[in-house]
Amino acid sequence: RSRLERLSRAFASRPRRQIAKSMSRVVIVGAGFGGLGCAHTLANAVAKDATKSVVVIDAKDWFTIGGTWAYAWCGRVDASQTTWPLKDAAPQLPNVDLRLNTTVLSVDIEKKTVTLSDAPETPMPYDALVLSPGIVGDASGIPGLRECVDMYAHDHLERQRRDIERIIEEAKEVLKEDASRDETSGAVKAEKKRTLAVTIAATPYKCPVAPFEAAFVADDTFRKAGVREAVRVVVTAPVPWPLPDPARDIFEAYLAEKDVEFRPNAKIASATRTSESSFTVAFHDGSAVENASAVWAVYPQTAPGFIKNAGLANASGVVPAGIGPNPV
């Protein structure tokens, strides 16, 4: 943010004519934290001297914070409380053209144009392009993964809520059955437990803590419902540890405290629906999570198609990050 502010002040210190010429149009793709922050800084430091010089494009007309989603699927808040209308940001973005519910079809770096879904025959020219569209989940490379919840899709919140409610009801029935308990220990038999599998399909992925947060919130929800002993919660990852190493000891302690299983080096090969409410998640090492009542997955993540088609992504399908600006 401080670097962006310095650049904005540098623009603002230029003569009015030079500002208008150099800032004739900045196109920002994505109205998340990055896009809105950039637009706000430019609008309030520069764009006031160049009318309509900043355009923000987003495929939706609402803003959300992923960290609020768990509060919706666990029943603490309604899903409507996790989104905010982007039009409400307009007063803070003077002279910014908000192009909402608009999809970017393509970007031509050489011609410096962006083609939009609401005007496909008239590409929009730009002088500077800011790409902040976020990532998209791509389940196409793993058989059956599309059947599973995409943890990073806001429109899957309702599915997660239904999963939680169903698992709680099924677990309550398990606890009513005497045959569900081991005669010696009195504990619920492993084969009788319902299973919530939180599966990280590939790394890297945004917000590395999110799968663990989901498992912990689910654990708390099951405990409050009085069914935790009849529910198995497991997190799988394709690598030894998906978080920064300094956090490992802390998270492993929480996993043990909350009785959440963690399976490292479990690279998912397929997800198979075995019944209306049961999945088997198979891994490349031959192991599996069987009879999972629900599978919440971190889909492999990649840059949007228009970025890859423009030749801006690397072999991994993402745009390399750097401290300085990239060639765009």
Protein backbone atom coordinates (compact mmCIF):
# COMPACT_ATOMS: atom_id res chain seq x y z
CA ARG A 1 0.00 0.00 0.00
CA SER A 2 2.80 2.46 0.89
CA ARG A 3 4.51 1.88 -2.47
CA LEU A 4 1.24 2.48 -4.31
CA GLU A 5 0.71 5.68 -2.36
CA ARG A 6 4.20 6.90 -3.30
CA LEU A 7 3.48 6.22 -6.96
CA SER A 8 0.15 8.02 -6.67
CA ARG A 9 1.77 11.05 -5.06
CA ALA A 10 4.34 11.07 -7.86
CA PHE A 11 1.53 11.14 -10.42
CA ALA A 12 -0.30 13.81 -8.45
CA SER A 13 2.80 16.05 -8.43
CA ARG A 14 2.89 16.14 -12.23
CA PRO A 15 1.37 19.02 -14.16
CA ARG A 16 -2.38 18.64 -14.80
CA ARG A 17 -1.93 18.03 -18.57
CA GLN A 18 0.70 15.35 -17.98
CA ILE A 19 -1.55 13.57 -15.46
CA ALA A 20 -4.53 13.57 -17.82
CA LYS A 21 -2.39 12.22 -20.64
CA SER A 22 -0.62 9.50 -18.65
CA MET A 23 -3.75 8.45 -16.77
CA SER A 24 -6.25 8.61 -19.63
CA ARG A 25 -7.48 5.14 -18.67
CA VAL A 26 -6.43 2.64 -16.01
CA VAL A 27 -8.39 -0.61 -16.18
CA ILE A 28 -8.55 -2.68 -13.00
CA VAL A 29 -9.85 -6.24 -13.31
CA GLY A 30 -11.24 -7.52 -10.03
CA ALA A 31 -13.09 -5.72 -7.24
CA GLY A 32 -11.66 -7.59 -4.29
CA PHE A 33 -9.27 -6.17 -1.71
CA GLY A 34 -6.50 -5.59 -4.25
CA GLY A 35 -8.63 -4.06 -6.99
CA LEU A 36 -10.68 -1.82 -4.71
CA GLY A 37 -7.59 -0.71 -2.79
CA CYS A 38 -5.83 0.23 -6.01
CA ALA A 39 -8.93 2.03 -7.34
CA HIS A 40 -9.39 3.96 -4.08
CA THR A 41 -5.78 5.11 -4.03
CA LEU A 42 -5.78 6.15 -7.68
CA ALA A 43 -9.21 7.80 -7.53
CA ASN A 44 -8.42 9.94 -4.53
CA ALA A 45 -4.88 10.87 -5.52
CA VAL A 46 -4.94 11.01 -9.30
CA ALA A 47 -8.23 10.40 -11.05
CA LYS A 48 -9.81 13.58 -9.75
CA ASP A 49 -7.67 15.32 -12.39
CA ALA A 50 -8.70 12.95 -15.20
CA THR A 51 -12.43 12.22 -15.41
CA LYS A 52 -13.35 8.55 -15.86
CA SER A 53 -9.68 7.62 -15.85
CA VAL A 54 -10.17 4.53 -13.68
CA VAL A 55 -12.40 1.60 -14.66
CA VAL A 56 -13.05 -1.34 -12.30
CA ILE A 57 -14.41 -4.54 -13.82
CA ASP A 58 -15.88 -7.44 -11.87
CA ALA A 59 -17.97 -10.46 -12.84
CA LYS A 60 -20.27 -9.96 -9.84
CA ASP A 61 -21.86 -6.98 -8.11
CA TRP A 62 -20.98 -7.86 -4.53
CA PHE A 63 -17.92 -8.01 -2.30
CA THR A 64 -17.19 -10.81 0.14
CA ILE A 65 -14.61 -11.87 2.70
CA GLY A 66 -13.90 -15.59 2.64
CA GLY A 67 -13.17 -15.60 6.36
CA THR A 68 -16.87 -14.98 7.06
CA TRP A 69 -18.17 -17.98 5.14
CA ALA A 70 -17.70 -20.52 7.93
CA TYR A 71 -20.03 -18.47 10.12
CA ALA A 72 -22.73 -19.02 7.51
CA TRP A 73 -22.42 -22.75 6.93
CA CYS A 74 -22.19 -23.45 10.67
CA GLY A 75 -25.42 -21.52 11.23
CA ARG A 76 -24.15 -18.52 13.19
CA VAL A 77 -25.18 -16.00 10.52
CA ASP A 78 -27.23 -16.02 7.33
CA ALA A 79 -25.31 -16.31 4.05
CA SER A 80 -26.64 -12.89 3.04
CA GLN A 81 -24.52 -11.39 5.83
CA THR A 82 -21.32 -12.48 4.08
CA THR A 83 -21.70 -10.21 1.05
CA TRP A 84 -21.90 -6.46 0.54
CA PRO A 85 -23.10 -4.55 -2.58
CA LEU A 86 -20.17 -3.13 -4.52
CA LYS A 87 -22.27 -0.11 -5.50
CA ASP A 88 -22.02 0.98 -1.87
CA ALA A 89 -18.31 1.62 -2.47
CA ALA A 90 -19.03 4.19 -5.19
CA PRO A 91 -18.98 7.26 -2.87
CA GLN A 92 -15.43 6.32 -1.85
CA LEU A 93 -14.34 5.97 -5.48
CA PRO A 94 -14.87 9.39 -7.13
CA ASN A 95 -14.75 9.35 -10.92
CA VAL A 96 -14.33 5.57 -11.01
CA ASP A 97 -16.42 3.69 -13.56
CA LEU A 98 -17.70 0.51 -11.88
CA ARG A 99 -18.45 -2.10 -14.54
CA LEU A 100 -20.16 -4.81 -12.47
CA ASN A 101 -21.63 -8.14 -13.57
CA THR A 102 -19.18 -7.92 -16.44
CA THR A 103 -16.80 -10.68 -17.51
CA VAL A 104 -13.43 -10.19 -19.17
CA LEU A 105 -13.39 -12.25 -22.34
CA SER A 106 -9.84 -11.50 -23.44
CA VAL A 107 -6.85 -9.21 -23.00
CA ASP A 108 -4.64 -8.08 -25.87
CA ILE A 109 -1.35 -6.93 -24.36
CA GLU A 110 0.12 -5.70 -27.65
CA LYS A 111 -2.92 -3.63 -28.60
CA LYS A 112 -3.57 -2.70 -24.94
CA THR A 113 -7.25 -3.58 -25.02
CA VAL A 114 -9.67 -5.56 -22.88
CA THR A 115 -12.72 -7.25 -24.39
CA LEU A 116 -15.74 -7.38 -22.09
CA SER A 117 -18.89 -9.50 -22.10
CA ASP A 118 -21.19 -6.47 -22.18
CA ALA A 119 -19.49 -5.04 -25.30
CA PRO A 120 -17.71 -7.90 -27.09
CA GLU A 121 -17.57 -6.03 -30.40
CA THR A 122 -15.89 -2.97 -28.89
CA PRO A 123 -12.65 -3.74 -27.03
CA MET A 124 -11.83 -1.23 -24.30
CA PRO A 125 -8.44 0.45 -24.69
CA TYR A 126 -6.27 1.07 -21.65
CA ASP A 127 -3.04 2.85 -20.80
CA ALA A 128 -2.36 0.79 -17.68
CA LEU A 129 -3.81 -2.58 -16.71
CA VAL A 130 -4.11 -3.86 -13.15
CA LEU A 131 -4.98 -7.55 -12.84
CA SER A 132 -6.53 -8.54 -9.53
CA PRO A 133 -9.16 -11.14 -10.48
CA GLY A 134 -8.16 -13.77 -7.95
CA ILE A 135 -7.93 -17.44 -8.76
CA VAL A 136 -10.43 -20.00 -10.02
CA GLY A 137 -10.86 -23.61 -9.00
CA ASP A 138 -10.26 -26.23 -11.68
CA ALA A 139 -11.51 -29.73 -10.84
CA SER A 140 -11.18 -31.04 -14.41
CA GLY A 141 -7.96 -32.99 -13.77
CA ILE A 142 -9.32 -35.17 -10.93
CA PRO A 143 -12.16 -37.61 -11.65
CA GLY A 144 -15.21 -37.00 -9.52
CA LEU A 145 -13.90 -33.88 -7.79
CA ARG A 146 -16.67 -31.72 -9.25
CA GLU A 147 -19.12 -33.76 -7.15
CA CYS A 148 -17.45 -32.41 -4.00
CA VAL A 149 -17.91 -29.04 -2.35
CA ASP A 150 -15.59 -26.32 -3.60
CA MET A 151 -14.53 -24.63 -0.37
CA TYR A 152 -13.54 -21.47 -2.24
CA ALA A 153 -16.89 -20.98 -4.00
CA HIS A 154 -19.38 -18.73 -2.24
CA ASP A 155 -22.29 -20.44 -3.97
CA HIS A 156 -21.34 -23.72 -2.23
CA LEU A 157 -22.09 -22.32 1.24
CA GLU A 158 -25.60 -23.76 1.18
CA ARG A 159 -24.22 -27.21 0.34
CA GLN A 160 -21.87 -26.99 3.31
CA ARG A 161 -24.71 -25.97 5.60
CA ARG A 162 -26.79 -28.93 4.42
CA ASP A 163 -23.82 -31.26 4.90
CA ILE A 164 -23.37 -30.11 8.49
CA GLU A 165 -27.06 -30.48 9.30
CA ARG A 166 -27.25 -33.94 7.70
CA ILE A 167 -24.15 -35.22 9.50
CA ILE A 168 -25.51 -34.00 12.83
CA GLU A 169 -28.84 -35.76 12.28
CA GLU A 170 -27.16 -38.98 11.17
CA ALA A 171 -24.77 -38.86 14.13
CA LYS A 172 -27.68 -38.44 16.53
CA GLU A 173 -29.19 -41.63 15.16
CA VAL A 174 -25.88 -43.42 15.60
CA LEU A 175 -25.74 -42.38 19.26
CA LYS A 176 -29.21 -43.83 19.84
CA GLU A 177 -28.10 -47.31 18.79
CA ASP A 178 -26.55 -49.52 21.46
CA ALA A 179 -24.89 -51.56 18.72
CA SER A 180 -22.90 -48.48 17.66
CA ARG A 181 -20.71 -48.67 20.75
CA ASP A 182 -17.86 -50.96 21.62
CA GLU A 183 -18.91 -53.28 24.41
CA THR A 184 -15.62 -52.89 26.27
CA SER A 185 -14.75 -49.21 25.93
CA GLY A 186 -18.20 -47.79 25.32
CA ALA A 187 -16.79 -45.63 22.52
CA VAL A 188 -18.57 -45.28 19.20
CA LYS A 189 -17.22 -47.87 16.78
CA ALA A 190 -15.07 -46.39 14.00
CA GLU A 191 -17.17 -47.93 11.25
CA LYS A 192 -20.33 -46.34 12.70
CA LYS A 193 -18.99 -42.79 12.73
CA ARG A 194 -19.92 -40.23 10.11
CA THR A 195 -16.94 -38.64 8.33
CA LEU A 196 -16.29 -35.10 7.15
CA ALA A 197 -13.28 -35.06 4.83
CA VAL A 198 -11.55 -31.75 4.12
CA THR A 199 -9.28 -32.46 1.15
CA ILE A 200 -6.56 -30.21 -0.24
CA ALA A 201 -6.26 -31.35 -3.85
CA ALA A 202 -3.18 -29.35 -4.82
CA THR A 203 -0.72 -26.74 -3.62
CA PRO A 204 -0.19 -23.83 -3.65
CA TYR A 205 -3.63 -22.48 -2.82
CA LYS A 206 -4.83 -19.19 -1.41
CA CYS A 207 -5.34 -18.79 2.33
CA PRO A 208 -3.47 -21.94 3.40
CA VAL A 209 -5.11 -21.93 6.83
CA ALA A 210 -8.67 -22.14 5.45
CA PRO A 211 -9.01 -25.96 5.33
CA PHE A 212 -7.86 -26.25 8.93
CA GLU A 213 -10.16 -23.42 10.00
CA ALA A 214 -13.07 -25.27 8.35
CA ALA A 215 -12.20 -28.46 10.21
CA PHE A 216 -11.96 -26.60 13.53
CA VAL A 217 -15.26 -24.77 13.05
CA ALA A 218 -16.92 -28.05 12.07
CA ASP A 219 -15.47 -29.68 15.18
CA ASP A 220 -16.94 -26.91 17.35
CA THR A 221 -20.32 -27.21 15.61
CA PHE A 222 -20.48 -30.97 16.15
CA ARG A 223 -19.49 -30.57 19.81
CA LYS A 224 -22.21 -27.99 20.41
CA ALA A 225 -24.71 -30.37 18.81
CA GLY A 226 -23.58 -33.11 21.20
CA VAL A 227 -22.49 -35.51 18.46
CA ARG A 228 -18.73 -35.08 18.20
CA GLU A 229 -17.95 -38.59 19.44
CA ALA A 230 -19.92 -39.98 16.50
CA VAL A 231 -18.18 -37.85 13.84
CA ARG A 232 -14.73 -38.24 12.33
CA VAL A 233 -13.09 -35.09 10.95
CA VAL A 234 -10.07 -35.57 8.70
CA VAL A 235 -7.89 -33.13 6.74
CA THR A 236 -5.72 -34.41 3.89
CA ALA A 237 -2.91 -32.67 2.01
CA PRO A 238 -0.74 -33.70 -0.95
CA VAL A 239 2.41 -32.43 0.79
CA PRO A 240 4.04 -33.11 4.17
CA TRP A 241 2.73 -29.82 5.57
CA PRO A 242 0.84 -27.05 3.66
CA LEU A 243 1.41 -24.18 6.09
CA PRO A 244 4.57 -22.20 6.90
CA ASP A 245 6.81 -24.29 9.16
CA PRO A 246 6.72 -21.86 12.14
CA ALA A 247 2.97 -22.56 12.45
CA ARG A 248 3.30 -26.33 12.39
CA ASP A 249 3.74 -26.97 16.12
CA ILE A 250 0.78 -24.74 16.98
CA PHE A 251 -1.56 -26.34 14.45
CA GLU A 252 -0.50 -29.88 15.28
CA ALA A 253 -1.34 -29.17 18.91
CA TYR A 254 -4.79 -27.91 17.92
CA LEU A 255 -5.35 -30.93 15.67
CA ALA A 256 -4.57 -33.27 18.56
CA GLU A 257 -6.66 -31.28 21.05
CA LYS A 258 -9.70 -31.27 18.75
CA ASP A 259 -9.23 -34.87 17.59
CA VAL A 260 -8.96 -33.80 13.94
CA GLU A 261 -6.97 -36.28 11.86
CA PHE A 262 -4.31 -34.98 9.49
CA ARG A 263 -3.11 -37.13 6.60
CA PRO A 264 0.01 -35.73 4.90
CA ASN A 265 1.35 -36.72 1.48
CA ALA A 266 -2.15 -37.75 0.41
CA LYS A 267 -2.44 -36.71 -3.23
CA ILE A 268 -6.01 -37.21 -4.38
CA ALA A 269 -6.53 -39.46 -7.38
CA SER A 270 -10.31 -39.52 -7.50
CA ALA A 271 -13.52 -38.88 -5.60
CA THR A 272 -16.32 -41.36 -6.12
CA ARG A 273 -19.90 -40.96 -4.96
CA THR A 274 -20.87 -44.37 -3.63
CA SER A 275 -24.38 -43.38 -2.57
CA GLU A 276 -26.53 -40.27 -2.30
CA SER A 277 -24.65 -39.21 0.84
CA SER A 278 -21.39 -41.15 0.74
CA PHE A 279 -18.03 -40.69 -1.00
CA THR A 280 -14.76 -42.54 -1.29
CA VAL A 281 -11.70 -40.36 -1.75
CA ALA A 282 -8.82 -42.34 -3.24
CA PHE A 283 -5.18 -41.26 -3.14
CA HIS A 284 -2.26 -42.06 -5.41
CA ASP A 285 -0.50 -44.07 -2.71
CA GLY A 286 -3.36 -46.58 -2.68
CA SER A 287 -4.97 -45.36 0.54
CA ALA A 288 -8.45 -43.88 0.78
CA VAL A 289 -10.99 -42.12 2.97
CA GLU A 290 -14.03 -44.35 2.65
CA ASN A 291 -17.69 -43.74 3.42
CA ALA A 292 -17.21 -39.99 3.81
CA SER A 293 -20.55 -38.31 4.49
CA ALA A 294 -19.24 -35.14 2.87
CA VAL A 295 -16.09 -34.05 1.05
CA TRP A 296 -15.08 -30.39 1.16
CA ALA A 297 -12.28 -29.84 -1.31
CA VAL A 298 -9.71 -27.21 -2.11
CA TYR A 299 -9.82 -27.54 -5.89
CA PRO A 300 -6.55 -27.10 -7.81
CA GLN A 301 -6.30 -23.35 -8.31
CA THR A 302 -5.29 -21.48 -11.43
CA ALA A 303 -5.48 -18.06 -13.05
CA PRO A 304 -8.67 -17.18 -15.00
CA GLY A 305 -8.71 -18.31 -18.61
CA PHE A 306 -8.34 -14.83 -20.11
CA ILE A 307 -5.02 -14.42 -18.28
CA LYS A 308 -3.66 -17.75 -19.50
CA ASN A 309 -4.89 -17.11 -23.04
CA ALA A 310 -3.01 -13.80 -23.03
CA GLY A 311 0.23 -15.63 -22.25
CA LEU A 312 0.62 -14.02 -18.84
CA ALA A 313 0.64 -17.20 -16.73
CA ASN A 314 3.55 -19.54 -16.13
CA ALA A 315 3.60 -23.32 -16.61
CA SER A 316 1.78 -23.75 -13.28
CA GLY A 317 -1.11 -21.64 -14.53
CA VAL A 318 -0.51 -18.63 -12.32
CA VAL A 319 1.04 -15.17 -12.77
CA PRO A 320 4.46 -14.99 -11.09
CA ALA A 321 4.51 -12.50 -8.22
CA GLY A 322 7.28 -10.02 -7.67
CA ILE A 323 8.05 -6.99 -5.53
CA GLY A 324 8.02 -4.65 -8.52
CA PRO A 325 5.39 -4.28 -11.25
CA ASN A 326 5.28 -6.96 -13.93
CA PRO A 327 5.44 -6.19 -17.68
CA VAL A 328 1.65 -5.70 -17.86
